[in-house]
All heavy atoms as atom14 arrays in JSON, in Angstrom:
{
  "sequence": "AADVKAALRPDTALVSIMHANNEIGTIQPIREISDITRRDGILLHTDA",
  "atom14_mask": [
    [1, 1, 1, 1, 1, 0, 0, 0, 0, 0, 0, 0, 0, 0],
    [1, 1, 1, 1, 1, 0, 0, 0, 0, 0, 0, 0, 0, 0],
    [1, 1, 1, 1, 1, 1, 1, 1, 0, 0, 0, 0, 0, 0],
    [1, 1, 1, 1, 1, 1, 1, 0, 0, 0, 0, 0, 0, 0],
    [1, 1, 1, 1, 1, 1, 1, 1, 1, 0, 0, 0, 0, 0],
    [1, 1, 1, 1, 1, 0, 0, 0, 0, 0, 0, 0, 0, 0],
    [1, 1, 1, 1, 1, 0, 0, 0, 0, 0, 0, 0, 0, 0],
    [1, 1, 1, 1, 1, 1, 1, 1, 0, 0, 0, 0, 0, 0],
    [1, 1, 1, 1, 1, 1, 1, 1, 1, 1, 1, 0, 0, 0],
    [1, 1, 1, 1, 1, 1, 1, 0, 0, 0, 0, 0, 0, 0],
    [1, 1, 1, 1, 1, 1, 1, 1, 0, 0, 0, 0, 0, 0],
    [1, 1, 1, 1, 1, 1, 1, 0, 0, 0, 0, 0, 0, 0],
    [1, 1, 1, 1, 1, 0, 0, 0, 0, 0, 0, 0, 0, 0],
    [1, 1, 1, 1, 1, 1, 1, 1, 0, 0, 0, 0, 0, 0],
    [1, 1, 1, 1, 1, 1, 1, 0, 0, 0, 0, 0, 0, 0],
    [1, 1, 1, 1, 1, 1, 0, 0, 0, 0, 0, 0, 0, 0],
    [1, 1, 1, 1, 1, 1, 1, 1, 0, 0, 0, 0, 0, 0],
    [1, 1, 1, 1, 1, 1, 1, 1, 0, 0, 0, 0, 0, 0],
    [1, 1, 1, 1, 1, 1, 1, 1, 1, 1, 0, 0, 0, 0],
    [1, 1, 1, 1, 1, 0, 0, 0, 0, 0, 0, 0, 0, 0],
    [1, 1, 1, 1, 1, 1, 1, 1, 0, 0, 0, 0, 0, 0],
    [1, 1, 1, 1, 1, 1, 1, 1, 0, 0, 0, 0, 0, 0],
    [1, 1, 1, 1, 1, 1, 1, 1, 1, 0, 0, 0, 0, 0],
    [1, 1, 1, 1, 1, 1, 1, 1, 0, 0, 0, 0, 0, 0],
    [1, 1, 1, 1, 0, 0, 0, 0, 0, 0, 0, 0, 0, 0],
    [1, 1, 1, 1, 1, 1, 1, 0, 0, 0, 0, 0, 0, 0],
    [1, 1, 1, 1, 1, 1, 1, 1, 0, 0, 0, 0, 0, 0],
    [1, 1, 1, 1, 1, 1, 1, 1, 1, 0, 0, 0, 0, 0],
    [1, 1, 1, 1, 1, 1, 1, 0, 0, 0, 0, 0, 0, 0],
    [1, 1, 1, 1, 1, 1, 1, 1, 0, 0, 0, 0, 0, 0],
    [1, 1, 1, 1, 1, 1, 1, 1, 1, 1, 1, 0, 0, 0],
    [1, 1, 1, 1, 1, 1, 1, 1, 1, 0, 0, 0, 0, 0],
    [1, 1, 1, 1, 1, 1, 1, 1, 0, 0, 0, 0, 0, 0],
    [1, 1, 1, 1, 1, 1, 0, 0, 0, 0, 0, 0, 0, 0],
    [1, 1, 1, 1, 1, 1, 1, 1, 0, 0, 0, 0, 0, 0],
    [1, 1, 1, 1, 1, 1, 1, 1, 0, 0, 0, 0, 0, 0],
    [1, 1, 1, 1, 1, 1, 1, 0, 0, 0, 0, 0, 0, 0],
    [1, 1, 1, 1, 1, 1, 1, 1, 1, 1, 1, 0, 0, 0],
    [1, 1, 1, 1, 1, 1, 1, 1, 1, 1, 1, 0, 0, 0],
    [1, 1, 1, 1, 1, 1, 1, 1, 0, 0, 0, 0, 0, 0],
    [1, 1, 1, 1, 0, 0, 0, 0, 0, 0, 0, 0, 0, 0],
    [1, 1, 1, 1, 1, 1, 1, 1, 0, 0, 0, 0, 0, 0],
    [1, 1, 1, 1, 1, 1, 1, 1, 0, 0, 0, 0, 0, 0],
    [1, 1, 1, 1, 1, 1, 1, 1, 0, 0, 0, 0, 0, 0],
    [1, 1, 1, 1, 1, 1, 1, 1, 1, 1, 0, 0, 0, 0],
    [1, 1, 1, 1, 1, 1, 1, 0, 0, 0, 0, 0, 0, 0],
    [1, 1, 1, 1, 1, 1, 1, 1, 0, 0, 0, 0, 0, 0],
    [1, 1, 1, 1, 1, 0, 0, 0, 0, 0, 0, 0, 0, 0]
  ],
  "atom14_positions": [
    [[15.67, -5.01, -6.85], [16.23, -3.84, -6.17], [15.35, -2.69, -6.54], [15.18, -1.75, -5.7], [17.68, -3.74, -6.35], [0.0, 0.0, 0.0], [0.0, 0.0, 0.0], [0.0, 0.0, 0.0], [0.0, 0.0, 0.0], [0.0, 0.0, 0.0], [0.0, 0.0, 0.0], [0.0, 0.0, 0.0], [0.0, 0.0, 0.0], [0.0, 0.0, 0.0]],
    [[14.98, -2.56, -7.8], [14.16, -1.49, -8.25], [12.82, -1.39, -7.48], [12.35, -0.28, -7.27], [13.97, -1.57, -9.82], [0.0, 0.0, 0.0], [0.0, 0.0, 0.0], [0.0, 0.0, 0.0], [0.0, 0.0, 0.0], [0.0, 0.0, 0.0], [0.0, 0.0, 0.0], [0.0, 0.0, 0.0], [0.0, 0.0, 0.0], [0.0, 0.0, 0.0]],
    [[12.22, -2.53, -7.24], [11.01, -2.49, -6.53], [11.19, -2.05, -5.12], [10.35, -1.34, -4.54], [10.42, -3.88, -6.55], [9.77, -4.23, -7.87], [9.59, -3.32, -8.68], [9.47, -5.55, -8.05], [0.0, 0.0, 0.0], [0.0, 0.0, 0.0], [0.0, 0.0, 0.0], [0.0, 0.0, 0.0], [0.0, 0.0, 0.0], [0.0, 0.0, 0.0]],
    [[12.31, -2.43, -4.52], [12.57, -1.87, -3.13], [12.72, -0.49, -3.2], [12.21, 0.33, -2.34], [13.92, -2.62, -2.6], [14.22, -1.94, -1.19], [13.62, -4.09, -2.44], [0.0, 0.0, 0.0], [0.0, 0.0, 0.0], [0.0, 0.0, 0.0], [0.0, 0.0, 0.0], [0.0, 0.0, 0.0], [0.0, 0.0, 0.0], [0.0, 0.0, 0.0]],
    [[13.49, 0.06, -4.15], [13.66, 1.52, -4.32], [12.38, 2.29, -4.36], [12.19, 3.33, -3.75], [14.61, 1.83, -5.49], [14.96, 3.24, -5.66], [15.86, 3.44, -6.81], [16.19, 4.98, -6.99], [17.24, 5.24, -8.07], [0.0, 0.0, 0.0], [0.0, 0.0, 0.0], [0.0, 0.0, 0.0], [0.0, 0.0, 0.0], [0.0, 0.0, 0.0]],
    [[11.49, 1.7, -5.3], [10.21, 2.37, -5.42], [9.3, 2.37, -4.21], [8.47, 3.2, -4.01], [9.45, 1.7, -6.6], [0.0, 0.0, 0.0], [0.0, 0.0, 0.0], [0.0, 0.0, 0.0], [0.0, 0.0, 0.0], [0.0, 0.0, 0.0], [0.0, 0.0, 0.0], [0.0, 0.0, 0.0], [0.0, 0.0, 0.0], [0.0, 0.0, 0.0]],
    [[9.68, 1.52, -3.29], [8.8, 1.31, -2.1], [9.28, 2.32, -1.01], [8.49, 2.55, -0.08], [8.84, -0.08, -1.61], [0.0, 0.0, 0.0], [0.0, 0.0, 0.0], [0.0, 0.0, 0.0], [0.0, 0.0, 0.0], [0.0, 0.0, 0.0], [0.0, 0.0, 0.0], [0.0, 0.0, 0.0], [0.0, 0.0, 0.0], [0.0, 0.0, 0.0]],
    [[10.41, 2.82, -1.1], [10.98, 3.73, -0.07], [10.25, 5.06, 0.0], [9.83, 5.58, -0.98], [12.53, 3.93, -0.28], [13.36, 2.68, -0.32], [14.75, 3.01, -0.51], [13.19, 1.88, 0.97], [0.0, 0.0, 0.0], [0.0, 0.0, 0.0], [0.0, 0.0, 0.0], [0.0, 0.0, 0.0], [0.0, 0.0, 0.0], [0.0, 0.0, 0.0]],
    [[10.17, 5.55, 1.28], [9.52, 6.79, 1.55], [10.35, 7.67, 2.52], [11.35, 7.06, 3.09], [8.17, 6.62, 2.18], [7.26, 5.71, 1.39], [5.88, 5.46, 1.97], [5.57, 5.91, 3.36], [4.49, 5.64, 4.03], [3.51, 4.9, 3.35], [4.33, 6.06, 5.26], [0.0, 0.0, 0.0], [0.0, 0.0, 0.0], [0.0, 0.0, 0.0]],
    [[10.13, 8.91, 2.62], [10.93, 9.72, 3.5], [10.87, 9.2, 4.99], [11.76, 9.43, 5.75], [10.36, 11.12, 3.48], [9.68, 11.19, 2.06], [9.22, 9.68, 1.82], [0.0, 0.0, 0.0], [0.0, 0.0, 0.0], [0.0, 0.0, 0.0], [0.0, 0.0, 0.0], [0.0, 0.0, 0.0], [0.0, 0.0, 0.0], [0.0, 0.0, 0.0]],
    [[9.77, 8.62, 5.34], [9.68, 8.0, 6.72], [9.9, 6.52, 6.88], [9.62, 5.93, 7.85], [8.23, 8.34, 7.26], [7.12, 7.54, 6.54], [7.35, 7.16, 5.35], [6.06, 7.33, 7.02], [0.0, 0.0, 0.0], [0.0, 0.0, 0.0], [0.0, 0.0, 0.0], [0.0, 0.0, 0.0], [0.0, 0.0, 0.0], [0.0, 0.0, 0.0]],
    [[10.62, 5.93, 5.88], [11.03, 4.53, 5.95], [12.14, 4.42, 7.01], [13.17, 4.99, 6.87], [11.47, 3.93, 4.61], [10.48, 4.18, 3.54], [11.8, 2.51, 4.71], [0.0, 0.0, 0.0], [0.0, 0.0, 0.0], [0.0, 0.0, 0.0], [0.0, 0.0, 0.0], [0.0, 0.0, 0.0], [0.0, 0.0, 0.0], [0.0, 0.0, 0.0]],
    [[11.87, 3.59, 7.94], [12.85, 3.31, 9.04], [13.79, 2.17, 8.6], [15.03, 2.14, 8.94], [12.15, 3.05, 10.33], [0.0, 0.0, 0.0], [0.0, 0.0, 0.0], [0.0, 0.0, 0.0], [0.0, 0.0, 0.0], [0.0, 0.0, 0.0], [0.0, 0.0, 0.0], [0.0, 0.0, 0.0], [0.0, 0.0, 0.0], [0.0, 0.0, 0.0]],
    [[13.16, 1.09, 8.06], [13.88, -0.15, 7.97], [13.45, -0.94, 6.72], [12.22, -1.02, 6.53], [13.79, -0.99, 9.22], [14.52, -2.36, 9.24], [16.02, -2.19, 9.34], [14.01, -3.13, 10.43], [0.0, 0.0, 0.0], [0.0, 0.0, 0.0], [0.0, 0.0, 0.0], [0.0, 0.0, 0.0], [0.0, 0.0, 0.0], [0.0, 0.0, 0.0]],
    [[14.38, -1.52, 6.07], [14.05, -2.51, 5.01], [14.53, -3.88, 5.56], [15.69, -3.99, 6.01], [14.69, -2.16, 3.67], [14.56, -3.33, 2.63], [14.11, -0.88, 3.09], [0.0, 0.0, 0.0], [0.0, 0.0, 0.0], [0.0, 0.0, 0.0], [0.0, 0.0, 0.0], [0.0, 0.0, 0.0], [0.0, 0.0, 0.0], [0.0, 0.0, 0.0]],
    [[13.74, -4.98, 5.41], [14.12, -6.27, 5.89], [13.93, -7.3, 4.72], [12.71, -7.59, 4.44], [13.46, -6.67, 7.17], [13.9, -8.02, 7.61], [0.0, 0.0, 0.0], [0.0, 0.0, 0.0], [0.0, 0.0, 0.0], [0.0, 0.0, 0.0], [0.0, 0.0, 0.0], [0.0, 0.0, 0.0], [0.0, 0.0, 0.0], [0.0, 0.0, 0.0]],
    [[14.98, -7.75, 4.14], [14.86, -8.71, 3.04], [15.75, -9.87, 3.41], [16.98, -9.73, 3.58], [15.32, -8.13, 1.69], [14.65, -6.81, 1.37], [15.24, -9.11, 0.56], [13.16, -6.94, 1.11], [0.0, 0.0, 0.0], [0.0, 0.0, 0.0], [0.0, 0.0, 0.0], [0.0, 0.0, 0.0], [0.0, 0.0, 0.0], [0.0, 0.0, 0.0]],
    [[15.24, -11.13, 3.34], [16.02, -12.32, 3.72], [17.14, -12.48, 2.69], [17.02, -12.14, 1.51], [15.15, -13.52, 3.86], [14.51, -13.92, 2.54], [13.51, -15.5, 2.61], [13.29, -15.75, 4.33], [0.0, 0.0, 0.0], [0.0, 0.0, 0.0], [0.0, 0.0, 0.0], [0.0, 0.0, 0.0], [0.0, 0.0, 0.0], [0.0, 0.0, 0.0]],
    [[18.28, -13.08, 3.12], [19.42, -13.33, 2.32], [19.19, -14.51, 1.43], [19.48, -14.39, 0.13], [20.66, -13.65, 3.12], [21.93, -13.65, 2.34], [23.05, -14.29, 2.76], [22.23, -13.09, 1.11], [24.01, -14.13, 1.83], [23.55, -13.43, 0.85], [0.0, 0.0, 0.0], [0.0, 0.0, 0.0], [0.0, 0.0, 0.0], [0.0, 0.0, 0.0]],
    [[18.61, -15.58, 1.91], [18.29, -16.72, 1.06], [16.98, -17.33, 1.6], [16.87, -17.46, 2.75], [19.42, -17.74, 1.0], [0.0, 0.0, 0.0], [0.0, 0.0, 0.0], [0.0, 0.0, 0.0], [0.0, 0.0, 0.0], [0.0, 0.0, 0.0], [0.0, 0.0, 0.0], [0.0, 0.0, 0.0], [0.0, 0.0, 0.0], [0.0, 0.0, 0.0]],
    [[16.15, -17.75, 0.71], [14.79, -18.25, 1.15], [14.95, -19.69, 1.73], [15.61, -20.46, 1.17], [13.8, -18.26, 0.05], [12.41, -18.63, 0.4], [12.06, -19.77, 0.25], [11.72, -17.75, 1.12], [0.0, 0.0, 0.0], [0.0, 0.0, 0.0], [0.0, 0.0, 0.0], [0.0, 0.0, 0.0], [0.0, 0.0, 0.0], [0.0, 0.0, 0.0]],
    [[14.23, -19.85, 2.79], [14.3, -21.17, 3.48], [13.62, -22.28, 2.74], [13.93, -23.51, 3.05], [13.77, -21.04, 4.83], [12.27, -20.35, 4.87], [12.22, -19.28, 4.43], [11.32, -21.09, 5.43], [0.0, 0.0, 0.0], [0.0, 0.0, 0.0], [0.0, 0.0, 0.0], [0.0, 0.0, 0.0], [0.0, 0.0, 0.0], [0.0, 0.0, 0.0]],
    [[12.7, -21.98, 1.86], [11.98, -23.1, 1.17], [12.62, -23.37, -0.22], [13.03, -24.51, -0.48], [10.54, -22.67, 0.93], [9.66, -22.68, 2.26], [8.24, -22.53, 2.08], [7.69, -23.11, 1.11], [7.6, -21.78, 2.83], [0.0, 0.0, 0.0], [0.0, 0.0, 0.0], [0.0, 0.0, 0.0], [0.0, 0.0, 0.0], [0.0, 0.0, 0.0]],
    [[12.71, -22.36, -1.11], [13.21, -22.58, -2.47], [14.66, -22.25, -2.57], [15.21, -22.6, -3.72], [12.35, -21.79, -3.5], [12.38, -20.38, -3.21], [10.95, -22.36, -3.46], [11.58, -19.49, -4.23], [0.0, 0.0, 0.0], [0.0, 0.0, 0.0], [0.0, 0.0, 0.0], [0.0, 0.0, 0.0], [0.0, 0.0, 0.0], [0.0, 0.0, 0.0]],
    [[15.2, -21.63, -1.6], [16.74, -21.4, -1.62], [17.16, -20.14, -2.47], [18.43, -19.95, -2.47], [0.0, 0.0, 0.0], [0.0, 0.0, 0.0], [0.0, 0.0, 0.0], [0.0, 0.0, 0.0], [0.0, 0.0, 0.0], [0.0, 0.0, 0.0], [0.0, 0.0, 0.0], [0.0, 0.0, 0.0], [0.0, 0.0, 0.0], [0.0, 0.0, 0.0]],
    [[16.3, -19.43, -3.09], [16.66, -18.25, -3.83], [17.39, -17.23, -3.05], [17.03, -16.83, -1.92], [15.43, -17.61, -4.53], [14.8, -18.57, -5.37], [15.75, -16.4, -5.3], [0.0, 0.0, 0.0], [0.0, 0.0, 0.0], [0.0, 0.0, 0.0], [0.0, 0.0, 0.0], [0.0, 0.0, 0.0], [0.0, 0.0, 0.0], [0.0, 0.0, 0.0]],
    [[18.62, -16.86, -3.59], [19.41, -15.79, -3.01], [19.09, -14.47, -3.37], [18.89, -14.22, -4.6], [20.91, -16.09, -3.21], [21.28, -17.47, -2.64], [21.76, -15.03, -2.63], [22.61, -18.01, -3.04], [0.0, 0.0, 0.0], [0.0, 0.0, 0.0], [0.0, 0.0, 0.0], [0.0, 0.0, 0.0], [0.0, 0.0, 0.0], [0.0, 0.0, 0.0]],
    [[18.87, -13.44, -2.55], [18.46, -12.17, -2.9], [19.54, -11.24, -3.15], [20.73, -11.42, -2.59], [17.63, -11.65, -1.76], [16.37, -12.49, -1.42], [15.46, -12.67, -2.54], [15.41, -11.9, -3.45], [14.75, -13.82, -2.46], [0.0, 0.0, 0.0], [0.0, 0.0, 0.0], [0.0, 0.0, 0.0], [0.0, 0.0, 0.0], [0.0, 0.0, 0.0]],
    [[19.42, -10.18, -3.98], [20.49, -9.26, -4.35], [20.66, -8.16, -3.2], [20.45, -7.03, -3.36], [19.94, -8.56, -5.62], [18.4, -8.58, -5.45], [18.1, -9.95, -4.71], [0.0, 0.0, 0.0], [0.0, 0.0, 0.0], [0.0, 0.0, 0.0], [0.0, 0.0, 0.0], [0.0, 0.0, 0.0], [0.0, 0.0, 0.0], [0.0, 0.0, 0.0]],
    [[21.1, -8.66, -2.03], [21.22, -7.85, -0.88], [22.21, -6.6, -1.13], [21.89, -5.46, -0.69], [21.69, -8.56, 0.36], [20.61, -9.69, 0.66], [21.82, -7.74, 1.54], [19.18, -9.19, 0.97], [0.0, 0.0, 0.0], [0.0, 0.0, 0.0], [0.0, 0.0, 0.0], [0.0, 0.0, 0.0], [0.0, 0.0, 0.0], [0.0, 0.0, 0.0]],
    [[23.36, -6.85, -1.8], [24.23, -5.74, -2.03], [23.6, -4.72, -2.96], [23.76, -3.52, -2.62], [25.5, -6.29, -2.75], [26.5, -5.24, -2.99], [27.12, -4.71, -1.7], [27.45, -3.29, -1.71], [28.23, -2.68, -0.83], [28.75, -3.35, 0.13], [28.47, -1.33, -0.9], [0.0, 0.0, 0.0], [0.0, 0.0, 0.0], [0.0, 0.0, 0.0]],
    [[22.85, -5.02, -3.92], [22.16, -4.09, -4.74], [21.2, -3.28, -3.91], [21.08, -2.02, -4.09], [21.47, -4.74, -5.94], [22.34, -5.4, -6.95], [21.55, -6.08, -8.03], [20.51, -5.54, -8.51], [21.89, -7.26, -8.47], [0.0, 0.0, 0.0], [0.0, 0.0, 0.0], [0.0, 0.0, 0.0], [0.0, 0.0, 0.0], [0.0, 0.0, 0.0]],
    [[20.49, -3.93, -3.11], [19.45, -3.27, -2.23], [20.23, -2.31, -1.16], [19.78, -1.22, -0.96], [18.64, -4.34, -1.52], [17.86, -5.07, -2.51], [17.76, -3.64, -0.54], [17.09, -6.22, -1.94], [0.0, 0.0, 0.0], [0.0, 0.0, 0.0], [0.0, 0.0, 0.0], [0.0, 0.0, 0.0], [0.0, 0.0, 0.0], [0.0, 0.0, 0.0]],
    [[21.3, -2.75, -0.65], [22.02, -1.9, 0.3], [22.65, -0.68, -0.31], [22.68, 0.41, 0.34], [23.11, -2.66, 1.02], [24.25, -3.02, 0.2], [0.0, 0.0, 0.0], [0.0, 0.0, 0.0], [0.0, 0.0, 0.0], [0.0, 0.0, 0.0], [0.0, 0.0, 0.0], [0.0, 0.0, 0.0], [0.0, 0.0, 0.0], [0.0, 0.0, 0.0]],
    [[23.05, -0.78, -1.58], [23.49, 0.43, -2.23], [22.42, 1.48, -2.33], [22.7, 2.69, -2.23], [23.94, 0.04, -3.67], [25.23, -0.7, -3.7], [26.04, -0.74, -2.71], [25.49, -1.39, -4.78], [0.0, 0.0, 0.0], [0.0, 0.0, 0.0], [0.0, 0.0, 0.0], [0.0, 0.0, 0.0], [0.0, 0.0, 0.0], [0.0, 0.0, 0.0]],
    [[21.13, 1.1, -2.52], [19.98, 1.97, -2.5], [19.66, 2.55, -1.14], [19.52, 3.69, -0.96], [18.82, 1.29, -3.13], [19.11, 0.92, -4.6], [17.53, 2.16, -2.94], [18.06, -0.03, -5.14], [0.0, 0.0, 0.0], [0.0, 0.0, 0.0], [0.0, 0.0, 0.0], [0.0, 0.0, 0.0], [0.0, 0.0, 0.0], [0.0, 0.0, 0.0]],
    [[19.58, 1.57, -0.17], [19.16, 2.02, 1.2], [20.24, 2.97, 1.85], [19.88, 3.93, 2.53], [18.88, 0.84, 2.11], [20.02, 0.01, 2.19], [17.72, 0.08, 1.62], [0.0, 0.0, 0.0], [0.0, 0.0, 0.0], [0.0, 0.0, 0.0], [0.0, 0.0, 0.0], [0.0, 0.0, 0.0], [0.0, 0.0, 0.0], [0.0, 0.0, 0.0]],
    [[21.45, 2.67, 1.6], [22.55, 3.49, 2.19], [22.53, 4.94, 1.59], [22.7, 5.91, 2.35], [23.88, 2.88, 1.87], [24.21, 1.71, 2.87], [25.66, 1.3, 2.74], [26.05, 0.45, 3.85], [27.27, -0.08, 4.01], [28.23, 0.28, 3.18], [27.52, -0.84, 5.01], [0.0, 0.0, 0.0], [0.0, 0.0, 0.0], [0.0, 0.0, 0.0]],
    [[22.27, 5.06, 0.32], [22.21, 6.37, -0.29], [21.12, 7.19, 0.34], [21.16, 8.43, 0.5], [21.96, 6.31, -1.78], [23.12, 5.94, -2.59], [22.94, 6.2, -4.07], [21.86, 5.56, -4.61], [22.05, 4.33, -5.2], [23.3, 3.75, -5.35], [20.97, 3.65, -5.75], [0.0, 0.0, 0.0], [0.0, 0.0, 0.0], [0.0, 0.0, 0.0]],
    [[20.05, 6.55, 0.82], [18.9, 7.3, 1.38], [18.85, 7.31, 2.9], [17.95, 7.75, 3.47], [17.57, 6.6, 0.87], [17.26, 6.83, -0.54], [17.89, 7.74, -1.17], [16.44, 6.13, -1.15], [0.0, 0.0, 0.0], [0.0, 0.0, 0.0], [0.0, 0.0, 0.0], [0.0, 0.0, 0.0], [0.0, 0.0, 0.0], [0.0, 0.0, 0.0]],
    [[19.96, 6.73, 3.44], [20.08, 6.74, 4.98], [19.01, 5.87, 5.65], [18.58, 6.17, 6.67], [0.0, 0.0, 0.0], [0.0, 0.0, 0.0], [0.0, 0.0, 0.0], [0.0, 0.0, 0.0], [0.0, 0.0, 0.0], [0.0, 0.0, 0.0], [0.0, 0.0, 0.0], [0.0, 0.0, 0.0], [0.0, 0.0, 0.0], [0.0, 0.0, 0.0]],
    [[18.66, 4.8, 4.99], [17.71, 3.76, 5.57], [18.36, 2.56, 6.01], [19.23, 2.05, 5.3], [16.6, 3.55, 4.47], [15.78, 4.77, 4.19], [15.67, 2.43, 5.0], [14.87, 4.69, 2.96], [0.0, 0.0, 0.0], [0.0, 0.0, 0.0], [0.0, 0.0, 0.0], [0.0, 0.0, 0.0], [0.0, 0.0, 0.0], [0.0, 0.0, 0.0]],
    [[17.94, 2.04, 7.12], [18.52, 0.86, 7.67], [18.21, -0.36, 6.93], [17.07, -0.44, 6.42], [18.28, 0.67, 9.18], [18.72, 1.78, 10.1], [18.17, 1.56, 11.46], [20.22, 1.84, 10.13], [0.0, 0.0, 0.0], [0.0, 0.0, 0.0], [0.0, 0.0, 0.0], [0.0, 0.0, 0.0], [0.0, 0.0, 0.0], [0.0, 0.0, 0.0]],
    [[19.04, -1.36, 6.82], [18.79, -2.62, 6.07], [19.14, -3.83, 7.01], [20.29, -3.91, 7.54], [19.63, -2.78, 4.73], [19.44, -4.0, 3.96], [18.05, -4.25, 3.56], [20.39, -3.99, 2.85], [0.0, 0.0, 0.0], [0.0, 0.0, 0.0], [0.0, 0.0, 0.0], [0.0, 0.0, 0.0], [0.0, 0.0, 0.0], [0.0, 0.0, 0.0]],
    [[18.16, -4.66, 7.2], [18.27, -5.91, 7.97], [18.14, -7.08, 6.99], [17.33, -7.02, 6.1], [17.23, -6.05, 9.08], [17.11, -7.43, 9.61], [15.95, -8.19, 9.35], [17.99, -8.15, 10.37], [16.18, -9.35, 10.0], [17.32, -9.34, 10.64], [0.0, 0.0, 0.0], [0.0, 0.0, 0.0], [0.0, 0.0, 0.0], [0.0, 0.0, 0.0]],
    [[18.92, -8.14, 7.15], [18.72, -9.41, 6.43], [18.73, -10.55, 7.34], [19.54, -10.71, 8.26], [19.83, -9.52, 5.3], [19.45, -10.6, 4.4], [21.21, -9.91, 5.89], [0.0, 0.0, 0.0], [0.0, 0.0, 0.0], [0.0, 0.0, 0.0], [0.0, 0.0, 0.0], [0.0, 0.0, 0.0], [0.0, 0.0, 0.0], [0.0, 0.0, 0.0]],
    [[17.8, -11.42, 7.16], [17.71, -12.69, 7.84], [18.54, -13.7, 7.11], [18.12, -14.18, 5.97], [16.2, -13.1, 7.95], [16.06, -14.52, 8.65], [17.02, -15.13, 8.99], [14.89, -14.89, 8.8], [0.0, 0.0, 0.0], [0.0, 0.0, 0.0], [0.0, 0.0, 0.0], [0.0, 0.0, 0.0], [0.0, 0.0, 0.0], [0.0, 0.0, 0.0]],
    [[19.66, -13.98, 7.62], [20.7, -14.94, 7.02], [20.66, -16.24, 7.67], [21.66, -17.0, 7.55], [22.04, -14.23, 6.99], [0.0, 0.0, 0.0], [0.0, 0.0, 0.0], [0.0, 0.0, 0.0], [0.0, 0.0, 0.0], [0.0, 0.0, 0.0], [0.0, 0.0, 0.0], [0.0, 0.0, 0.0], [0.0, 0.0, 0.0], [0.0, 0.0, 0.0]]
  ]
}
């Protein structure tokens, strides 16, 4: 989530991070990421 935060810019429209990977199955910290994007008014999409 820290890397996502570091990537954000004033002109960021959307962050898209999958919920769980289709190959290795790893589940992503979507809630942690949404806490960051919401504070900055940036939209978040997840492929679930």
